[in-house]
Amino acid sequence: MKLFYSPASPYARKVLVLAHETGLIDRITVTAATASPTGSAAEIAAHNPLGKIPALVLEDGTALYDSRVICEYLDGRSTGPRLFPEGDARWDALTRQALADGLLDAALLTRYERVLRPEAQRWDAWEAGQVGKIRAALDRFEALAADLPALDIGTVALACALGYLDLRFPDLAWREGRPALAAWFAVVEGRPSMAATVPKG
């Protein structure tokens, strides 16, 4: 299998963390690719018409995207621990994944606004709205932190989201006022799968 990714992408990191945790990482060739909201790299668009990463190309040439689909595909082929639980726990895990991914969506929109949009065209209210969503998601996770399971797709997504905030948004100081979430992340970021996938800006 071949994974197109960016070293700074939190969505690609989610896939890589899951691949490490399920023991499938050695079956994946990782290929760095550049994706942009204003254009599409040919090497990615050949597999994903949206031009987004991550994209996983299977042995038969079939391409899977986005990170949610890739993670569930890999989890289904794991012979070890499974990160997508069954029963009622599944819906809880998927909802937490959706919240973490939503936090990331807002963070990426904020990043694009700050870095890619010409300064004269930036919209302060837009950025404030996205930052408000980030903070609201963080506050919800703070309330949930004491009851978070050790490891599932929801906690993997959350850990990758927090790592991205550390990389791109140190100014948000997300740990302030969220001691339970900060303590949780201090433990999780020490996992080998997280250490092996630290994003590079």
Foldseek 3Di string as FASTA:
>chain_A
DEWEDALLDLLVLLLLLLCVVLVNNVVYHYDYDDADPVDADPVQCVQPVNNDDTWDQDPVRHIDDDSVGSSVVVLVVGPDDHQQDDDPVNVVLVVLLVLLVLLVVLVVVLVCLVPPDPPVPRDPVSNVVSVVSNLVSLVVCLVCLVPDDPGHSSVSSNLSSVLSCVVPPVVVVSCVPRVSVVVSSVVVCPDPSNVVSRGDD
